[in-house]
N, C-alpha and C. Protein backbone atom coordinates (compact mmCIF):
# COMPACT_ATOMS: atom_id res chain seq x y z
N MET A 1 -13.47 -6.52 -17.56
CA MET A 1 -12.95 -6.19 -16.15
C MET A 1 -13.91 -6.67 -15.09
N GLY A 2 -15.16 -6.43 -15.18
CA GLY A 2 -16.18 -6.98 -14.28
C GLY A 2 -16.22 -8.46 -14.10
N VAL A 3 -15.93 -9.19 -15.21
CA VAL A 3 -16.00 -10.65 -15.15
C VAL A 3 -14.93 -11.22 -14.15
N LEU A 4 -13.79 -10.60 -14.28
CA LEU A 4 -12.60 -11.02 -13.35
C LEU A 4 -12.97 -10.93 -11.79
N TYR A 5 -13.67 -9.66 -11.63
CA TYR A 5 -14.01 -9.40 -10.19
C TYR A 5 -15.03 -10.40 -9.65
N SER A 6 -16.02 -10.66 -10.54
CA SER A 6 -17.02 -11.51 -10.10
C SER A 6 -16.55 -13.05 -9.94
N MET A 7 -15.37 -13.38 -10.51
CA MET A 7 -14.84 -14.68 -10.41
C MET A 7 -14.17 -14.89 -9.15
N ILE A 8 -13.79 -13.78 -8.45
CA ILE A 8 -13.03 -13.89 -7.21
C ILE A 8 -13.89 -14.40 -6.08
N ASP A 9 -13.39 -15.42 -5.43
CA ASP A 9 -14.12 -16.08 -4.35
C ASP A 9 -14.28 -15.14 -3.24
N HIS A 10 -15.51 -14.92 -2.81
CA HIS A 10 -15.79 -13.95 -1.67
C HIS A 10 -15.20 -14.35 -0.50
N LYS A 11 -15.07 -15.66 -0.12
CA LYS A 11 -14.38 -16.16 1.09
C LYS A 11 -13.01 -15.51 1.08
N LEU A 12 -12.27 -15.59 -0.01
CA LEU A 12 -10.87 -15.07 -0.06
C LEU A 12 -10.85 -13.53 0.19
N ILE A 13 -11.77 -12.85 -0.47
CA ILE A 13 -11.97 -11.37 -0.18
C ILE A 13 -12.20 -11.08 1.24
N ASP A 14 -13.21 -11.82 1.84
CA ASP A 14 -13.65 -11.56 3.28
C ASP A 14 -12.42 -11.88 4.13
N ASN A 15 -11.62 -12.82 3.79
CA ASN A 15 -10.45 -13.16 4.56
C ASN A 15 -9.38 -12.04 4.64
N PHE A 16 -9.34 -11.32 3.59
CA PHE A 16 -8.47 -10.06 3.62
C PHE A 16 -8.69 -9.13 4.70
N THR A 17 -9.97 -9.00 4.98
CA THR A 17 -10.47 -8.19 6.05
C THR A 17 -10.40 -8.81 7.39
N LEU A 18 -11.00 -10.07 7.43
CA LEU A 18 -11.03 -10.84 8.57
C LEU A 18 -9.63 -11.19 9.39
N LEU A 19 -8.63 -11.35 8.40
CA LEU A 19 -7.34 -11.83 8.86
C LEU A 19 -6.39 -10.60 8.83
N SER A 20 -6.87 -9.37 8.74
CA SER A 20 -5.83 -8.31 8.60
C SER A 20 -4.87 -8.19 9.74
N LYS A 21 -5.28 -8.34 10.94
CA LYS A 21 -4.33 -8.37 12.04
C LYS A 21 -3.20 -9.49 11.90
N GLU A 22 -3.72 -10.71 11.41
CA GLU A 22 -2.68 -11.83 11.24
C GLU A 22 -1.79 -11.51 10.21
N PHE A 23 -2.27 -10.95 8.97
CA PHE A 23 -1.54 -10.51 8.00
C PHE A 23 -0.40 -9.41 8.44
N ALA A 24 -0.83 -8.44 9.18
CA ALA A 24 -0.16 -7.50 9.72
C ALA A 24 0.94 -8.03 10.62
N GLU A 25 0.71 -8.97 11.36
CA GLU A 25 1.63 -9.67 12.24
C GLU A 25 2.73 -10.32 11.50
N LYS A 26 2.27 -10.90 10.39
CA LYS A 26 3.38 -11.51 9.48
C LYS A 26 4.29 -10.51 8.81
N TRP A 27 3.57 -9.49 8.44
CA TRP A 27 4.35 -8.21 7.82
C TRP A 27 5.33 -7.67 8.78
N LYS A 28 4.77 -7.50 10.04
CA LYS A 28 5.81 -6.92 11.16
C LYS A 28 6.99 -7.84 11.34
N ASN A 29 6.80 -9.17 11.34
CA ASN A 29 7.91 -10.04 11.43
C ASN A 29 8.98 -9.91 10.32
N MET A 30 8.33 -9.61 9.04
CA MET A 30 9.30 -9.34 7.90
C MET A 30 9.98 -8.07 8.06
N VAL A 31 9.36 -7.04 8.47
CA VAL A 31 9.91 -5.73 8.69
C VAL A 31 11.07 -5.85 9.79
N ARG A 32 10.78 -6.65 10.84
CA ARG A 32 11.83 -6.78 11.86
C ARG A 32 13.12 -7.44 11.37
N LYS A 33 12.96 -8.18 10.26
CA LYS A 33 14.26 -8.82 9.75
C LYS A 33 14.91 -8.03 8.69
N ALA A 34 14.36 -6.89 8.27
CA ALA A 34 14.92 -6.08 7.19
C ALA A 34 15.67 -4.89 7.67
N PRO A 35 16.97 -5.05 7.60
CA PRO A 35 17.78 -3.84 8.17
C PRO A 35 17.58 -2.64 7.40
N GLN A 36 16.98 -2.74 6.12
CA GLN A 36 16.75 -1.59 5.25
C GLN A 36 15.64 -0.70 5.86
N LEU A 37 14.78 -1.33 6.71
CA LEU A 37 13.71 -0.58 7.26
C LEU A 37 13.90 0.05 8.68
N SER A 38 15.07 0.77 8.79
CA SER A 38 15.47 1.22 10.15
C SER A 38 14.41 2.15 10.74
N HIS A 39 13.72 2.88 10.07
CA HIS A 39 12.91 3.88 10.59
C HIS A 39 11.54 2.99 11.13
N PHE A 40 11.08 2.04 10.33
CA PHE A 40 9.92 1.34 10.76
C PHE A 40 10.46 0.54 12.02
N ASN A 41 11.61 0.08 12.09
CA ASN A 41 11.99 -0.76 13.20
C ASN A 41 12.26 0.09 14.52
N THR A 42 11.99 1.30 14.35
CA THR A 42 11.97 2.05 15.64
C THR A 42 10.59 2.03 16.30
N MET A 43 9.60 1.59 15.61
CA MET A 43 8.22 1.45 16.08
C MET A 43 8.00 0.30 16.92
N ASP A 44 7.18 0.29 17.86
CA ASP A 44 6.83 -0.87 18.84
C ASP A 44 5.98 -1.85 17.82
N ASP A 45 5.92 -3.16 18.25
CA ASP A 45 5.16 -4.16 17.52
C ASP A 45 3.71 -3.66 17.23
N GLU A 46 3.02 -3.26 18.27
CA GLU A 46 1.64 -2.93 18.21
C GLU A 46 1.30 -1.82 17.30
N THR A 47 2.29 -0.78 17.21
CA THR A 47 2.14 0.31 16.25
C THR A 47 2.36 -0.21 14.79
N LEU A 48 3.30 -1.08 14.59
CA LEU A 48 3.56 -1.61 13.36
C LEU A 48 2.32 -2.44 12.74
N ILE A 49 1.82 -3.23 13.64
CA ILE A 49 0.57 -4.01 13.16
C ILE A 49 -0.54 -3.06 12.93
N GLU A 50 -0.73 -2.05 13.67
CA GLU A 50 -1.81 -1.19 13.50
C GLU A 50 -1.73 -0.46 12.19
N ILE A 51 -0.58 0.04 11.79
CA ILE A 51 -0.40 0.90 10.56
C ILE A 51 -0.58 -0.04 9.31
N ASN A 52 -0.17 -1.31 9.48
CA ASN A 52 -0.20 -2.22 8.23
C ASN A 52 -1.65 -2.80 8.10
N SER A 53 -2.33 -3.07 9.22
CA SER A 53 -3.55 -3.69 9.18
C SER A 53 -4.60 -3.02 8.28
N ALA A 54 -4.48 -1.75 8.14
CA ALA A 54 -5.48 -0.91 7.29
C ALA A 54 -5.42 -1.20 5.88
N TYR A 55 -4.35 -1.72 5.33
CA TYR A 55 -4.23 -2.05 3.95
C TYR A 55 -5.16 -3.05 3.37
N TYR A 56 -5.32 -4.14 4.22
CA TYR A 56 -6.01 -5.26 3.72
C TYR A 56 -7.43 -5.14 3.49
N PRO A 57 -8.19 -4.46 4.37
CA PRO A 57 -9.63 -4.10 4.00
C PRO A 57 -9.88 -3.28 2.77
N LEU A 58 -8.87 -2.39 2.57
CA LEU A 58 -8.88 -1.56 1.29
C LEU A 58 -8.74 -2.37 0.11
N LEU A 59 -7.78 -3.37 0.20
CA LEU A 59 -7.47 -4.41 -0.92
C LEU A 59 -8.76 -5.13 -1.12
N ALA A 60 -9.42 -5.60 -0.02
CA ALA A 60 -10.61 -6.38 -0.17
C ALA A 60 -11.68 -5.68 -0.94
N LYS A 61 -11.86 -4.48 -0.50
CA LYS A 61 -12.93 -3.61 -1.14
C LYS A 61 -12.54 -3.29 -2.56
N SER A 62 -11.36 -3.17 -2.91
CA SER A 62 -10.86 -2.95 -4.28
C SER A 62 -11.10 -4.25 -5.06
N LEU A 63 -10.81 -5.35 -4.59
CA LEU A 63 -11.01 -6.63 -5.26
C LEU A 63 -12.53 -6.92 -5.42
N ASP A 64 -13.25 -6.60 -4.51
CA ASP A 64 -14.77 -6.85 -4.56
C ASP A 64 -15.51 -5.93 -5.49
N ARG A 65 -15.17 -4.60 -5.55
CA ARG A 65 -15.91 -3.66 -6.12
C ARG A 65 -15.19 -3.08 -7.38
N GLY A 66 -14.00 -3.43 -7.64
CA GLY A 66 -13.18 -2.82 -8.62
C GLY A 66 -12.47 -1.66 -8.06
N PHE A 67 -11.41 -1.39 -8.80
CA PHE A 67 -10.40 -0.31 -8.31
C PHE A 67 -10.96 1.02 -8.39
N ASP A 68 -11.23 1.60 -7.31
CA ASP A 68 -11.74 2.92 -7.27
C ASP A 68 -10.46 3.81 -7.01
N ARG A 69 -9.94 4.36 -8.05
CA ARG A 69 -8.60 5.04 -7.93
C ARG A 69 -8.70 6.23 -7.09
N SER A 70 -9.88 6.95 -6.92
CA SER A 70 -9.95 8.06 -5.92
C SER A 70 -9.80 7.48 -4.49
N LEU A 71 -10.50 6.37 -4.21
CA LEU A 71 -10.43 5.75 -2.83
C LEU A 71 -8.95 5.37 -2.50
N ILE A 72 -8.40 4.60 -3.55
CA ILE A 72 -6.99 4.19 -3.27
C ILE A 72 -6.09 5.38 -3.31
N GLY A 73 -6.26 6.20 -4.20
CA GLY A 73 -5.37 7.43 -4.19
C GLY A 73 -5.41 8.24 -2.96
N ASN A 74 -6.62 8.49 -2.48
CA ASN A 74 -6.79 9.34 -1.33
C ASN A 74 -6.08 8.68 -0.13
N PHE A 75 -6.23 7.34 0.12
CA PHE A 75 -5.73 6.60 1.14
C PHE A 75 -4.07 6.70 1.21
N PHE A 76 -3.52 6.37 -0.10
CA PHE A 76 -2.10 6.29 -0.26
C PHE A 76 -1.44 7.67 -0.35
N VAL A 77 -2.12 8.61 -0.86
CA VAL A 77 -1.48 10.00 -0.92
C VAL A 77 -1.31 10.45 0.43
N ALA A 78 -2.38 10.28 1.21
CA ALA A 78 -2.25 10.73 2.63
C ALA A 78 -1.25 10.01 3.42
N LEU A 79 -1.06 8.72 3.06
CA LEU A 79 -0.08 7.89 3.83
C LEU A 79 1.35 8.38 3.40
N GLY A 80 1.52 8.66 2.09
CA GLY A 80 2.83 9.24 1.67
C GLY A 80 3.12 10.54 2.37
N LYS A 81 2.17 11.46 2.47
CA LYS A 81 2.33 12.79 3.25
C LYS A 81 2.77 12.51 4.67
N GLU A 82 1.98 11.55 5.21
CA GLU A 82 2.22 11.23 6.68
C GLU A 82 3.61 10.74 6.98
N ARG A 83 4.08 9.83 6.06
CA ARG A 83 5.38 9.21 6.22
C ARG A 83 6.48 10.26 6.03
N MET A 84 6.28 11.07 4.97
CA MET A 84 7.19 12.24 4.82
C MET A 84 7.34 13.08 6.02
N GLN A 85 6.17 13.57 6.51
CA GLN A 85 6.19 14.42 7.70
C GLN A 85 6.70 13.72 8.91
N ASP A 86 6.64 12.42 8.97
CA ASP A 86 7.16 11.62 10.11
C ASP A 86 8.65 11.30 9.92
N GLY A 87 9.28 11.78 8.84
CA GLY A 87 10.76 11.62 8.54
C GLY A 87 11.15 10.23 7.93
N TYR A 88 10.21 9.44 7.45
CA TYR A 88 10.56 8.22 6.75
C TYR A 88 11.10 8.51 5.29
N PRO A 89 12.18 7.78 4.95
CA PRO A 89 12.68 7.84 3.50
C PRO A 89 11.51 7.22 2.74
N VAL A 90 11.39 7.74 1.54
CA VAL A 90 10.37 7.20 0.67
C VAL A 90 10.71 5.78 0.15
N SER A 91 11.99 5.46 0.15
CA SER A 91 12.46 4.11 -0.30
C SER A 91 12.00 3.07 0.76
N GLU A 92 12.12 3.44 2.08
CA GLU A 92 11.62 2.54 3.13
C GLU A 92 10.06 2.29 2.99
N VAL A 93 9.37 3.32 2.73
CA VAL A 93 7.85 3.27 2.61
C VAL A 93 7.53 2.24 1.58
N ILE A 94 8.12 2.51 0.45
CA ILE A 94 7.93 1.58 -0.74
C ILE A 94 8.29 0.15 -0.47
N TYR A 95 9.56 0.02 0.05
CA TYR A 95 9.96 -1.27 0.27
C TYR A 95 9.18 -1.98 1.31
N SER A 96 8.59 -1.35 2.28
CA SER A 96 7.69 -1.98 3.34
C SER A 96 6.42 -2.50 2.66
N LEU A 97 6.01 -1.76 1.62
CA LEU A 97 4.79 -2.20 0.92
C LEU A 97 5.05 -3.51 0.13
N THR A 98 6.20 -3.83 -0.17
CA THR A 98 6.48 -5.14 -0.96
C THR A 98 6.29 -6.21 -0.02
N PHE A 99 6.46 -6.08 1.30
CA PHE A 99 6.19 -7.07 2.22
C PHE A 99 4.71 -7.33 2.42
N THR A 100 3.90 -6.30 2.31
CA THR A 100 2.46 -6.43 2.41
C THR A 100 1.93 -7.32 1.22
N GLU A 101 2.52 -7.01 0.02
CA GLU A 101 2.24 -7.86 -1.26
C GLU A 101 2.57 -9.25 -1.01
N LYS A 102 3.77 -9.41 -0.40
CA LYS A 102 4.37 -10.78 -0.27
C LYS A 102 3.49 -11.57 0.68
N VAL A 103 3.03 -11.00 1.75
CA VAL A 103 2.11 -11.67 2.86
C VAL A 103 0.95 -12.13 2.07
N ILE A 104 0.25 -11.42 1.22
CA ILE A 104 -0.92 -11.60 0.58
C ILE A 104 -0.76 -12.79 -0.48
N ILE A 105 0.30 -12.62 -1.22
CA ILE A 105 0.59 -13.71 -2.15
C ILE A 105 0.99 -15.06 -1.46
N GLU A 106 1.65 -15.00 -0.49
CA GLU A 106 1.87 -16.28 0.27
C GLU A 106 0.67 -16.88 0.82
N TYR A 107 -0.24 -16.03 1.34
CA TYR A 107 -1.55 -16.63 1.78
C TYR A 107 -2.39 -17.24 0.64
N ILE A 108 -2.50 -16.55 -0.36
CA ILE A 108 -3.14 -17.02 -1.47
C ILE A 108 -2.62 -18.37 -1.97
N MET A 109 -1.34 -18.39 -2.03
CA MET A 109 -0.70 -19.65 -2.67
C MET A 109 -0.56 -20.81 -1.76
N THR A 110 -0.66 -20.58 -0.37
CA THR A 110 -0.65 -21.63 0.61
C THR A 110 -2.00 -22.10 1.15
N GLU A 111 -2.94 -21.11 1.31
CA GLU A 111 -4.15 -21.39 1.83
C GLU A 111 -5.33 -21.52 0.94
N PHE A 112 -5.18 -20.79 -0.17
CA PHE A 112 -6.41 -20.84 -1.07
C PHE A 112 -6.14 -21.64 -2.41
N ALA A 113 -5.02 -21.29 -3.12
CA ALA A 113 -4.82 -22.06 -4.40
C ALA A 113 -4.78 -23.50 -4.33
N PRO A 114 -4.19 -24.04 -3.30
CA PRO A 114 -4.00 -25.62 -3.31
C PRO A 114 -5.41 -26.29 -3.20
N GLU A 115 -6.49 -25.69 -2.95
CA GLU A 115 -7.84 -26.32 -2.80
C GLU A 115 -8.27 -27.06 -3.99
N SER A 116 -7.97 -26.54 -5.14
CA SER A 116 -8.50 -27.13 -6.37
C SER A 116 -7.84 -26.48 -7.59
N PRO A 117 -7.67 -27.10 -8.75
CA PRO A 117 -7.25 -26.57 -9.93
C PRO A 117 -7.94 -25.18 -10.38
N ALA A 118 -9.30 -25.13 -10.05
CA ALA A 118 -10.08 -23.88 -10.39
C ALA A 118 -9.51 -22.83 -9.55
N LYS A 119 -9.28 -23.16 -8.20
CA LYS A 119 -8.86 -22.05 -7.35
C LYS A 119 -7.34 -21.66 -7.58
N MET A 120 -6.56 -22.66 -8.15
CA MET A 120 -5.22 -22.19 -8.58
C MET A 120 -5.33 -21.23 -9.75
N TYR A 121 -6.20 -21.45 -10.70
CA TYR A 121 -6.38 -20.66 -11.82
C TYR A 121 -6.83 -19.25 -11.36
N GLN A 122 -7.91 -19.26 -10.55
CA GLN A 122 -8.37 -18.03 -10.05
C GLN A 122 -7.40 -17.21 -9.21
N SER A 123 -6.48 -17.92 -8.61
CA SER A 123 -5.38 -17.27 -7.72
C SER A 123 -4.51 -16.41 -8.63
N MET A 124 -4.21 -16.95 -9.79
CA MET A 124 -3.31 -16.23 -10.67
C MET A 124 -3.95 -14.82 -11.10
N GLY A 125 -5.25 -14.81 -11.29
CA GLY A 125 -5.94 -13.66 -11.57
C GLY A 125 -5.89 -12.61 -10.31
N VAL A 126 -6.21 -13.17 -9.10
CA VAL A 126 -6.29 -12.37 -7.85
C VAL A 126 -4.79 -11.68 -7.69
N ILE A 127 -3.76 -12.66 -7.90
CA ILE A 127 -2.41 -12.08 -7.66
C ILE A 127 -1.95 -11.03 -8.56
N THR A 128 -2.51 -11.09 -9.81
CA THR A 128 -2.32 -10.00 -10.76
C THR A 128 -3.03 -8.78 -10.21
N LYS A 129 -4.17 -8.89 -9.75
CA LYS A 129 -4.91 -7.71 -9.20
C LYS A 129 -4.27 -7.14 -7.90
N VAL A 130 -3.68 -8.02 -7.08
CA VAL A 130 -2.97 -7.66 -5.91
C VAL A 130 -1.81 -6.88 -6.21
N SER A 131 -1.02 -7.23 -7.30
CA SER A 131 0.19 -6.61 -7.79
C SER A 131 -0.16 -5.26 -8.38
N GLU A 132 -1.31 -5.14 -9.07
CA GLU A 132 -1.88 -3.88 -9.59
C GLU A 132 -2.24 -3.02 -8.39
N PHE A 133 -2.86 -3.41 -7.66
CA PHE A 133 -3.23 -2.56 -6.33
C PHE A 133 -1.85 -2.11 -5.68
N CYS A 134 -0.92 -2.92 -5.52
CA CYS A 134 0.41 -2.56 -4.83
C CYS A 134 0.99 -1.51 -5.67
N LEU A 135 1.10 -1.67 -7.00
CA LEU A 135 1.78 -0.71 -7.92
C LEU A 135 0.97 0.65 -7.77
N LEU A 136 -0.35 0.61 -7.77
CA LEU A 136 -1.04 1.94 -7.63
C LEU A 136 -0.77 2.53 -6.30
N ALA A 137 -0.61 1.69 -5.22
CA ALA A 137 -0.17 2.23 -3.86
C ALA A 137 1.06 2.84 -3.99
N CYS A 138 2.06 2.22 -4.67
CA CYS A 138 3.38 2.83 -4.67
C CYS A 138 3.46 4.24 -5.44
N PHE A 139 2.51 4.29 -6.48
CA PHE A 139 2.39 5.45 -7.32
C PHE A 139 1.85 6.54 -6.38
N TYR A 140 0.73 6.28 -5.68
CA TYR A 140 0.10 7.38 -4.78
C TYR A 140 0.83 7.68 -3.64
N ILE A 141 1.58 6.79 -3.00
CA ILE A 141 2.46 7.04 -1.95
C ILE A 141 3.57 8.08 -2.41
N THR A 142 4.19 7.81 -3.51
CA THR A 142 5.25 8.67 -4.06
C THR A 142 4.59 10.06 -4.37
N LYS A 143 3.39 10.18 -4.96
CA LYS A 143 2.88 11.44 -5.18
C LYS A 143 2.64 12.20 -3.90
N GLY A 144 2.11 11.48 -2.91
CA GLY A 144 1.70 12.16 -1.67
C GLY A 144 3.09 12.65 -0.91
N TYR A 145 4.06 11.75 -0.99
CA TYR A 145 5.31 12.02 -0.33
C TYR A 145 5.96 13.27 -1.04
N LEU A 146 6.05 13.20 -2.40
CA LEU A 146 6.52 14.44 -3.13
C LEU A 146 5.78 15.63 -2.98
N GLU A 147 4.46 15.60 -2.86
CA GLU A 147 3.67 16.75 -2.56
C GLU A 147 4.02 17.32 -1.21
N ALA A 148 4.21 16.53 -0.27
CA ALA A 148 4.58 16.96 1.15
C ALA A 148 5.99 17.62 1.07
N VAL A 149 6.82 17.08 0.45
CA VAL A 149 8.21 17.69 0.15
C VAL A 149 8.00 19.03 -0.43
N TYR A 150 7.36 19.03 -1.60
CA TYR A 150 7.19 20.39 -2.41
C TYR A 150 6.50 21.45 -1.47
N THR A 151 5.48 21.15 -0.85
CA THR A 151 4.80 22.18 0.01
C THR A 151 5.62 22.56 1.20
N GLY A 152 6.32 21.57 1.72
CA GLY A 152 7.27 21.84 2.83
C GLY A 152 8.45 22.76 2.44
N MET A 153 9.01 22.46 1.27
CA MET A 153 10.11 23.31 0.85
C MET A 153 9.59 24.73 0.51
N ASN A 154 8.46 24.79 0.00
CA ASN A 154 7.84 26.14 -0.49
C ASN A 154 7.37 27.02 0.76
N ALA A 155 6.73 26.34 1.69
CA ALA A 155 6.31 27.09 2.92
C ALA A 155 7.25 27.34 4.00
N GLN A 156 8.00 26.26 4.37
CA GLN A 156 8.83 26.27 5.49
C GLN A 156 10.21 26.70 5.12
N ASP A 157 10.73 26.25 3.92
CA ASP A 157 12.08 26.47 3.58
C ASP A 157 12.33 27.61 2.57
N SER A 158 11.19 28.32 2.30
CA SER A 158 11.10 29.42 1.42
C SER A 158 11.88 29.18 0.01
N VAL A 159 11.65 27.99 -0.45
CA VAL A 159 12.16 27.74 -1.83
C VAL A 159 11.26 28.31 -2.86
N SER A 160 11.78 29.03 -3.75
CA SER A 160 10.92 29.70 -4.72
C SER A 160 10.03 28.66 -5.47
N GLU A 161 8.92 29.15 -5.89
CA GLU A 161 8.00 28.34 -6.76
C GLU A 161 8.61 27.93 -8.08
N GLU A 162 9.36 28.89 -8.60
CA GLU A 162 10.09 28.63 -9.84
C GLU A 162 11.24 27.52 -9.73
N LEU A 163 11.93 27.49 -8.82
CA LEU A 163 12.94 26.47 -8.57
C LEU A 163 12.20 25.15 -8.23
N LEU A 164 11.11 25.21 -7.45
CA LEU A 164 10.45 23.84 -7.21
C LEU A 164 9.81 23.24 -8.39
N LYS A 165 9.30 24.14 -9.32
CA LYS A 165 8.75 23.56 -10.60
C LYS A 165 9.78 23.13 -11.56
N LYS A 166 10.92 23.55 -11.29
CA LYS A 166 12.13 23.10 -12.18
C LYS A 166 12.38 21.68 -11.84
N TYR A 167 12.38 21.44 -10.66
CA TYR A 167 12.77 20.03 -10.17
C TYR A 167 11.53 19.06 -9.83
N PHE A 168 10.36 19.57 -9.55
CA PHE A 168 9.20 18.88 -9.24
C PHE A 168 8.24 18.97 -10.38
N LYS A 169 8.32 18.06 -11.35
CA LYS A 169 7.52 18.20 -12.63
C LYS A 169 6.18 17.41 -12.50
N ASP A 170 5.94 16.82 -11.39
CA ASP A 170 4.76 16.11 -11.15
C ASP A 170 3.60 17.11 -10.95
N ASP A 171 2.36 16.53 -11.41
CA ASP A 171 1.12 17.29 -11.02
C ASP A 171 0.58 16.67 -9.72
N PHE A 172 0.50 17.46 -8.64
CA PHE A 172 0.08 17.12 -7.44
C PHE A 172 -1.33 17.11 -7.18
N PHE A 173 -1.84 16.62 -6.18
CA PHE A 173 -3.30 16.66 -5.88
C PHE A 173 -3.65 17.94 -5.11
N PHE A 174 -2.84 18.27 -4.18
CA PHE A 174 -3.09 19.50 -3.30
C PHE A 174 -4.48 19.39 -2.76
N LYS A 175 -4.87 18.24 -2.24
CA LYS A 175 -6.17 18.17 -1.60
C LYS A 175 -6.02 18.56 -0.18
N GLN A 176 -7.02 19.16 0.37
CA GLN A 176 -7.04 19.44 1.79
C GLN A 176 -7.28 18.20 2.61
N ASP A 177 -6.46 18.03 3.65
CA ASP A 177 -6.65 16.68 4.46
C ASP A 177 -7.79 16.94 5.43
């Protein structure tokens, strides 16, 4: 596992942070063209760019130091809770993340991979790690979202714990924010 991380070009990793606003701008343009993302499309451009630009430095840190599931989990569980509380359908939240992955993969394949056969080979490994990161993000967003639904139904809607446990079979984090 450590060998793959050490093989990743640090210029590429640094660019995920340095170019986060540019990546978020591309992501925003994809969101604007997606009718399935009606809730995201109610946001102004600046807000969209701001909420998406936070993903790329976390991805860079994960690629550079290895996947810290606690760090990734905390970030995306909180995001899932926030999106649920703001009224976003979980399907939109997950779908919007696919555009983040697409922006990164397009950058790797157009700006990094063509430089040499060695970088093309390295790109395949990086894309695999990017996909793994995005899958973990989906997992933790869903956990956070469902935890927020569970606690909201229990506290605000007075749904019994027994009924909730019947339908919510997940083990939630229940961490304090």
